[in-house]
Amino acid sequence: MSTRTLQRRFTDAGITFQQLVEETRRELAHHYLRQSTVELNETAYLLGYEDANSFFRAFHLWEGTTAR
């Protein structure tokens, strides 16, 4: 699929690529946090955050509470 076709489909669906990325990160964050074997720093890394603090800020914006 071409980039332009993908952009059109996102527009038709009323969503942006960035919104899709953030929603996916949010869902995966919940998944990883339920796994007792995955540490918070590792969760941040797996979600593509540069450091754990960036993940903590994002999680707080999503949920209004800490990831811990």
PDB file of N, CA and C in Angstrom:
ATOM      1  N   MET A   1       0.850  -1.162   0.000  1.00  0.00           N
ATOM      2  CA  MET A   1       0.000   0.000   0.000  1.00  0.00           C
ATOM      3  C   MET A   1       0.904   1.236   0.000  1.00  0.00           C
ATOM      4  N   SER A   2       0.546   2.202  -0.780  1.00  0.00           N
ATOM      5  CA  SER A   2       1.358   3.415  -0.846  1.00  0.00           C
ATOM      6  C   SER A   2       1.107   4.291   0.381  1.00  0.00           C
ATOM      7  N   THR A   3       2.054   5.167   0.640  1.00  0.00           N
ATOM      8  CA  THR A   3       1.940   6.093   1.768  1.00  0.00           C
ATOM      9  C   THR A   3       0.696   6.960   1.623  1.00  0.00           C
ATOM     10  N   ARG A   4       0.455   7.434   0.423  1.00  0.00           N
ATOM     11  CA  ARG A   4      -0.696   8.311   0.184  1.00  0.00           C
ATOM     12  C   ARG A   4      -2.021   7.567   0.423  1.00  0.00           C
ATOM     13  N   THR A   5      -2.098   6.323   0.003  1.00  0.00           N
ATOM     14  CA  THR A   5      -3.315   5.531   0.235  1.00  0.00           C
ATOM     15  C   THR A   5      -3.550   5.350   1.723  1.00  0.00           C
ATOM     16  N   LEU A   6      -2.481   5.067   2.457  1.00  0.00           N
ATOM     17  CA  LEU A   6      -2.599   4.909   3.901  1.00  0.00           C
ATOM     18  C   LEU A   6      -3.074   6.212   4.552  1.00  0.00           C
ATOM     19  N   GLN A   7      -2.517   7.335   4.126  1.00  0.00           N
ATOM     20  CA  GLN A   7      -2.944   8.631   4.654  1.00  0.00           C
ATOM     21  C   GLN A   7      -4.428   8.874   4.376  1.00  0.00           C
ATOM     22  N   ARG A   8      -4.866   8.549   3.174  1.00  0.00           N
ATOM     23  CA  ARG A   8      -6.288   8.719   2.818  1.00  0.00           C
ATOM     24  C   ARG A   8      -7.178   7.849   3.698  1.00  0.00           C
ATOM     25  N   ARG A   9      -6.755   6.632   3.937  1.00  0.00           N
ATOM     26  CA  ARG A   9      -7.555   5.727   4.781  1.00  0.00           C
ATOM     27  C   ARG A   9      -7.628   6.218   6.217  1.00  0.00           C
ATOM     28  N   PHE A  10      -6.526   6.732   6.728  1.00  0.00           N
ATOM     29  CA  PHE A  10      -6.563   7.332   8.067  1.00  0.00           C
ATOM     30  C   PHE A  10      -7.532   8.516   8.095  1.00  0.00           C
ATOM     31  N   THR A  11      -7.457   9.356   7.085  1.00  0.00           N
ATOM     32  CA  THR A  11      -8.352  10.516   7.011  1.00  0.00           C
ATOM     33  C   THR A  11      -9.802  10.068   6.941  1.00  0.00           C
ATOM     34  N   ASP A  12     -10.083   9.082   6.131  1.00  0.00           N
ATOM     35  CA  ASP A  12     -11.449   8.552   6.011  1.00  0.00           C
ATOM     36  C   ASP A  12     -11.948   7.998   7.350  1.00  0.00           C
ATOM     37  N   ALA A  13     -11.034   7.426   8.127  1.00  0.00           N
ATOM     38  CA  ALA A  13     -11.401   6.850   9.419  1.00  0.00           C
ATOM     39  C   ALA A  13     -11.432   7.905  10.525  1.00  0.00           C
ATOM     40  N   GLY A  14     -10.980   9.125  10.214  1.00  0.00           N
ATOM     41  CA  GLY A  14     -10.985  10.197  11.199  1.00  0.00           C
ATOM     42  C   GLY A  14      -9.910  10.046  12.261  1.00  0.00           C
ATOM     43  N   ILE A  15      -8.769   9.494  11.875  1.00  0.00           N
ATOM     44  CA  ILE A  15      -7.672   9.260  12.819  1.00  0.00           C
ATOM     45  C   ILE A  15      -6.361   9.646  12.156  1.00  0.00           C
ATOM     46  N   THR A  16      -5.399  10.022  12.975  1.00  0.00           N
ATOM     47  CA  THR A  16      -4.060  10.303  12.451  1.00  0.00           C
ATOM     48  C   THR A  16      -3.132   9.156  12.819  1.00  0.00           C
ATOM     49  N   PHE A  17      -2.021   9.098  12.139  1.00  0.00           N
ATOM     50  CA  PHE A  17      -1.038   8.069  12.436  1.00  0.00           C
ATOM     51  C   PHE A  17      -0.556   8.211  13.879  1.00  0.00           C
ATOM     52  N   GLN A  18      -0.325   9.453  14.318  1.00  0.00           N
ATOM     53  CA  GLN A  18       0.142   9.683  15.682  1.00  0.00           C
ATOM     54  C   GLN A  18      -0.881   9.204  16.707  1.00  0.00           C
ATOM     55  N   GLN A  19      -2.163   9.404  16.443  1.00  0.00           N
ATOM     56  CA  GLN A  19      -3.195   8.916  17.354  1.00  0.00           C
ATOM     57  C   GLN A  19      -3.155   7.391  17.437  1.00  0.00           C
ATOM     58  N   LEU A  20      -2.955   6.749  16.316  1.00  0.00           N
ATOM     59  CA  LEU A  20      -2.865   5.294  16.280  1.00  0.00           C
ATOM     60  C   LEU A  20      -1.657   4.806  17.083  1.00  0.00           C
ATOM     61  N   VAL A  21      -0.532   5.475  16.931  1.00  0.00           N
ATOM     62  CA  VAL A  21       0.678   5.115  17.681  1.00  0.00           C
ATOM     63  C   VAL A  21       0.423   5.264  19.176  1.00  0.00           C
ATOM     64  N   GLU A  22      -0.156   6.382  19.598  1.00  0.00           N
ATOM     65  CA  GLU A  22      -0.406   6.617  21.017  1.00  0.00           C
ATOM     66  C   GLU A  22      -1.391   5.608  21.601  1.00  0.00           C
ATOM     67  N   GLU A  23      -2.430   5.282  20.859  1.00  0.00           N
ATOM     68  CA  GLU A  23      -3.401   4.305  21.346  1.00  0.00           C
ATOM     69  C   GLU A  23      -2.760   2.921  21.468  1.00  0.00           C
ATOM     70  N   THR A  24      -1.919   2.571  20.513  1.00  0.00           N
ATOM     71  CA  THR A  24      -1.220   1.289  20.569  1.00  0.00           C
ATOM     72  C   THR A  24      -0.266   1.250  21.755  1.00  0.00           C
ATOM     73  N   ARG A  25       0.467   2.348  21.965  1.00  0.00           N
ATOM     74  CA  ARG A  25       1.361   2.413  23.120  1.00  0.00           C
ATOM     75  C   ARG A  25       0.579   2.269  24.423  1.00  0.00           C
ATOM     76  N   ARG A  26      -0.549   2.921  24.501  1.00  0.00           N
ATOM     77  CA  ARG A  26      -1.370   2.862  25.720  1.00  0.00           C
ATOM     78  C   ARG A  26      -1.835   1.427  25.994  1.00  0.00           C
ATOM     79  N   GLU A  27      -2.335   0.774  24.966  1.00  0.00           N
ATOM     80  CA  GLU A  27      -2.787  -0.614  25.125  1.00  0.00           C
ATOM     81  C   GLU A  27      -1.631  -1.531  25.520  1.00  0.00           C
ATOM     82  N   LEU A  28      -0.491  -1.371  24.864  1.00  0.00           N
ATOM     83  CA  LEU A  28       0.666  -2.201  25.185  1.00  0.00           C
ATOM     84  C   LEU A  28       1.193  -1.900  26.588  1.00  0.00           C
ATOM     85  N   ALA A  29       1.124  -0.647  27.013  1.00  0.00           N
ATOM     86  CA  ALA A  29       1.560  -0.292  28.359  1.00  0.00           C
ATOM     87  C   ALA A  29       0.748  -1.069  29.386  1.00  0.00           C
ATOM     88  N   HIS A  30      -0.556  -1.110  29.199  1.00  0.00           N
ATOM     89  CA  HIS A  30      -1.403  -1.866  30.122  1.00  0.00           C
ATOM     90  C   HIS A  30      -1.042  -3.352  30.101  1.00  0.00           C
ATOM     91  N   HIS A  31      -0.788  -3.863  28.924  1.00  0.00           N
ATOM     92  CA  HIS A  31      -0.410  -5.272  28.795  1.00  0.00           C
ATOM     93  C   HIS A  31       0.885  -5.553  29.556  1.00  0.00           C
ATOM     94  N   TYR A  32       1.905  -4.730  29.313  1.00  0.00           N
ATOM     95  CA  TYR A  32       3.200  -4.947  29.961  1.00  0.00           C
ATOM     96  C   TYR A  32       3.117  -4.751  31.469  1.00  0.00           C
ATOM     97  N   LEU A  33       2.316  -3.788  31.923  1.00  0.00           N
ATOM     98  CA  LEU A  33       2.213  -3.532  33.361  1.00  0.00           C
ATOM     99  C   LEU A  33       1.520  -4.678  34.092  1.00  0.00           C
ATOM    100  N   ARG A  34       0.689  -5.421  33.378  1.00  0.00           N
ATOM    101  CA  ARG A  34       0.052  -6.599  33.988  1.00  0.00           C
ATOM    102  C   ARG A  34       1.030  -7.768  34.115  1.00  0.00           C
ATOM    103  N   GLN A  35       2.098  -7.735  33.334  1.00  0.00           N
ATOM    104  CA  GLN A  35       3.116  -8.786  33.372  1.00  0.00           C
ATOM    105  C   GLN A  35       4.100  -8.473  34.503  1.00  0.00           C
ATOM    106  N   SER A  36       4.110  -9.249  35.524  1.00  0.00           N
ATOM    107  CA  SER A  36       4.990  -8.972  36.665  1.00  0.00           C
ATOM    108  C   SER A  36       6.469  -9.162  36.329  1.00  0.00           C
ATOM    109  N   THR A  37       6.754  -9.803  35.219  1.00  0.00           N
ATOM    110  CA  THR A  37       8.152 -10.051  34.857  1.00  0.00           C
ATOM    111  C   THR A  37       8.777  -8.901  34.067  1.00  0.00           C
ATOM    112  N   VAL A  38       7.974  -7.943  33.638  1.00  0.00           N
ATOM    113  CA  VAL A  38       8.481  -6.822  32.846  1.00  0.00           C
ATOM    114  C   VAL A  38       8.635  -5.606  33.764  1.00  0.00           C
ATOM    115  N   GLU A  39       9.855  -5.097  33.893  1.00  0.00           N
ATOM    116  CA  GLU A  39      10.124  -3.936  34.736  1.00  0.00           C
ATOM    117  C   GLU A  39       9.689  -2.655  34.030  1.00  0.00           C
ATOM    118  N   LEU A  40       9.507  -1.590  34.806  1.00  0.00           N
ATOM    119  CA  LEU A  40       9.041  -0.321  34.241  1.00  0.00           C
ATOM    120  C   LEU A  40      10.016   0.242  33.209  1.00  0.00           C
ATOM    121  N   ASN A  41      11.305   0.169  33.485  1.00  0.00           N
ATOM    122  CA  ASN A  41      12.294   0.658  32.511  1.00  0.00           C
ATOM    123  C   ASN A  41      12.213  -0.126  31.211  1.00  0.00           C
ATOM    124  N   GLU A  42      12.020  -1.428  31.318  1.00  0.00           N
ATOM    125  CA  GLU A  42      11.900  -2.267  30.130  1.00  0.00           C
ATOM    126  C   GLU A  42      10.621  -1.941  29.363  1.00  0.00           C
ATOM    127  N   THR A  43       9.542  -1.680  30.096  1.00  0.00           N
ATOM    128  CA  THR A  43       8.285  -1.286  29.455  1.00  0.00           C
ATOM    129  C   THR A  43       8.482  -0.016  28.644  1.00  0.00           C
ATOM    130  N   ALA A  44       9.133   0.964  29.236  1.00  0.00           N
ATOM    131  CA  ALA A  44       9.395   2.224  28.534  1.00  0.00           C
ATOM    132  C   ALA A  44      10.193   1.971  27.258  1.00  0.00           C
ATOM    133  N   TYR A  45      11.209   1.133  27.344  1.00  0.00           N
ATOM    134  CA  TYR A  45      12.033   0.793  26.182  1.00  0.00           C
ATOM    135  C   TYR A  45      11.205   0.081  25.112  1.00  0.00           C
ATOM    136  N   LEU A  46      10.421  -0.896  25.520  1.00  0.00           N
ATOM    137  CA  LEU A  46       9.619  -1.668  24.572  1.00  0.00           C
ATOM    138  C   LEU A  46       8.596  -0.802  23.845  1.00  0.00           C
ATOM    139  N   LEU A  47       8.131   0.257  24.503  1.00  0.00           N
ATOM    140  CA  LEU A  47       7.150   1.151  23.898  1.00  0.00           C
ATOM    141  C   LEU A  47       7.788   2.250  23.056  1.00  0.00           C
ATOM    142  N   GLY A  48       9.120   2.290  23.045  1.00  0.00           N
ATOM    143  CA  GLY A  48       9.822   3.239  22.190  1.00  0.00           C
ATOM    144  C   GLY A  48      10.117   4.575  22.829  1.00  0.00           C
ATOM    145  N   TYR A  49      10.023   4.663  24.144  1.00  0.00           N
ATOM    146  CA  TYR A  49      10.355   5.907  24.825  1.00  0.00           C
ATOM    147  C   TYR A  49      11.854   5.973  25.059  1.00  0.00           C
ATOM    148  N   GLU A  50      12.381   7.190  24.990  1.00  0.00           N
ATOM    149  CA  GLU A  50      13.817   7.388  25.142  1.00  0.00           C
ATOM    150  C   GLU A  50      14.284   7.069  26.561  1.00  0.00           C
ATOM    151  N   ASP A  51      13.433   7.370  27.520  1.00  0.00           N
ATOM    152  CA  ASP A  51      13.759   7.047  28.905  1.00  0.00           C
ATOM    153  C   ASP A  51      12.473   6.790  29.682  1.00  0.00           C
ATOM    154  N   ALA A  52      12.638   6.265  30.881  1.00  0.00           N
ATOM    155  CA  ALA A  52      11.483   5.891  31.691  1.00  0.00           C
ATOM    156  C   ALA A  52      10.646   7.112  32.072  1.00  0.00           C
ATOM    157  N   ASN A  53      11.290   8.259  32.305  1.00  0.00           N
ATOM    158  CA  ASN A  53      10.538   9.452  32.681  1.00  0.00           C
ATOM    159  C   ASN A  53       9.561   9.879  31.595  1.00  0.00           C
ATOM    160  N   SER A  54       9.943   9.738  30.343  1.00  0.00           N
ATOM    161  CA  SER A  54       9.035  10.071  29.241  1.00  0.00           C
ATOM    162  C   SER A  54       7.814   9.160  29.262  1.00  0.00           C
ATOM    163  N   PHE A  55       8.054   7.883  29.530  1.00  0.00           N
ATOM    164  CA  PHE A  55       6.938   6.944  29.638  1.00  0.00           C
ATOM    165  C   PHE A  55       6.047   7.294  30.822  1.00  0.00           C
ATOM    166  N   PHE A  56       6.654   7.620  31.968  1.00  0.00           N
ATOM    167  CA  PHE A  56       5.864   7.963  33.152  1.00  0.00           C
ATOM    168  C   PHE A  56       4.967   9.174  32.886  1.00  0.00           C
ATOM    169  N   ARG A  57       5.511  10.183  32.199  1.00  0.00           N
ATOM    170  CA  ARG A  57       4.715  11.379  31.868  1.00  0.00           C
ATOM    171  C   ARG A  57       3.566  11.019  30.934  1.00  0.00           C
ATOM    172  N   ALA A  58       3.846  10.227  29.927  1.00  0.00           N
ATOM    173  CA  ALA A  58       2.804   9.832  28.974  1.00  0.00           C
ATOM    174  C   ALA A  58       1.713   9.032  29.683  1.00  0.00           C
ATOM    175  N   PHE A  59       2.107   8.100  30.520  1.00  0.00           N
ATOM    176  CA  PHE A  59       1.132   7.276  31.240  1.00  0.00           C
ATOM    177  C   PHE A  59       0.265   8.144  32.136  1.00  0.00           C
ATOM    178  N   HIS A  60       0.881   9.113  32.786  1.00  0.00           N
ATOM    179  CA  HIS A  60       0.117  10.016  33.657  1.00  0.00           C
ATOM    180  C   HIS A  60      -0.885  10.826  32.851  1.00  0.00           C
ATOM    181  N   LEU A  61      -0.513  11.266  31.664  1.00  0.00           N
ATOM    182  CA  LEU A  61      -1.452  11.993  30.792  1.00  0.00           C
ATOM    183  C   LEU A  61      -2.615  11.098  30.370  1.00  0.00           C
ATOM    184  N   TRP A  62      -2.316   9.840  30.057  1.00  0.00           N
ATOM    185  CA  TRP A  62      -3.367   8.910  29.618  1.00  0.00           C
ATOM    186  C   TRP A  62      -4.323   8.563  30.748  1.00  0.00           C
ATOM    187  N   GLU A  63      -3.759   8.237  31.901  1.00  0.00           N
ATOM    188  CA  GLU A  63      -4.536   7.629  32.973  1.00  0.00           C
ATOM    189  C   GLU A  63      -4.802   8.517  34.181  1.00  0.00           C
ATOM    190  N   GLY A  64      -4.049   9.613  34.298  1.00  0.00           N
ATOM    191  CA  GLY A  64      -4.225  10.473  35.458  1.00  0.00           C
ATOM    192  C   GLY A  64      -3.629   9.909  36.734  1.00  0.00           C
ATOM    193  N   THR A  65      -2.806   8.884  36.598  1.00  0.00           N
ATOM    194  CA  THR A  65      -2.160   8.239  37.741  1.00  0.00           C
ATOM    195  C   THR A  65      -0.809   7.727  37.299  1.00  0.00           C
ATOM    196  N   THR A  66      -0.026   7.264  38.255  1.00  0.00           N
ATOM    197  CA  THR A  66       1.313   6.770  37.915  1.00  0.00           C
ATOM    198  C   THR A  66       1.262   5.331  37.400  1.00  0.00           C
ATOM    199  N   ALA A  67       2.310   4.954  36.715  1.00  0.00           N
ATOM    200  CA  ALA A  67       2.404   3.587  36.178  1.00  0.00           C
ATOM    201  C   ALA A  67       2.785   2.583  37.259  1.00  0.00           C
ATOM    202  N   ARG A  68       3.227   3.032  38.375  1.00  0.00           N
ATOM    203  CA  ARG A  68       3.656   2.135  39.445  1.00  0.00           C
ATOM    204  C   ARG A  68       2.460   1.617  40.128  1.00  0.00           C
TER     205      ARG A  68
END
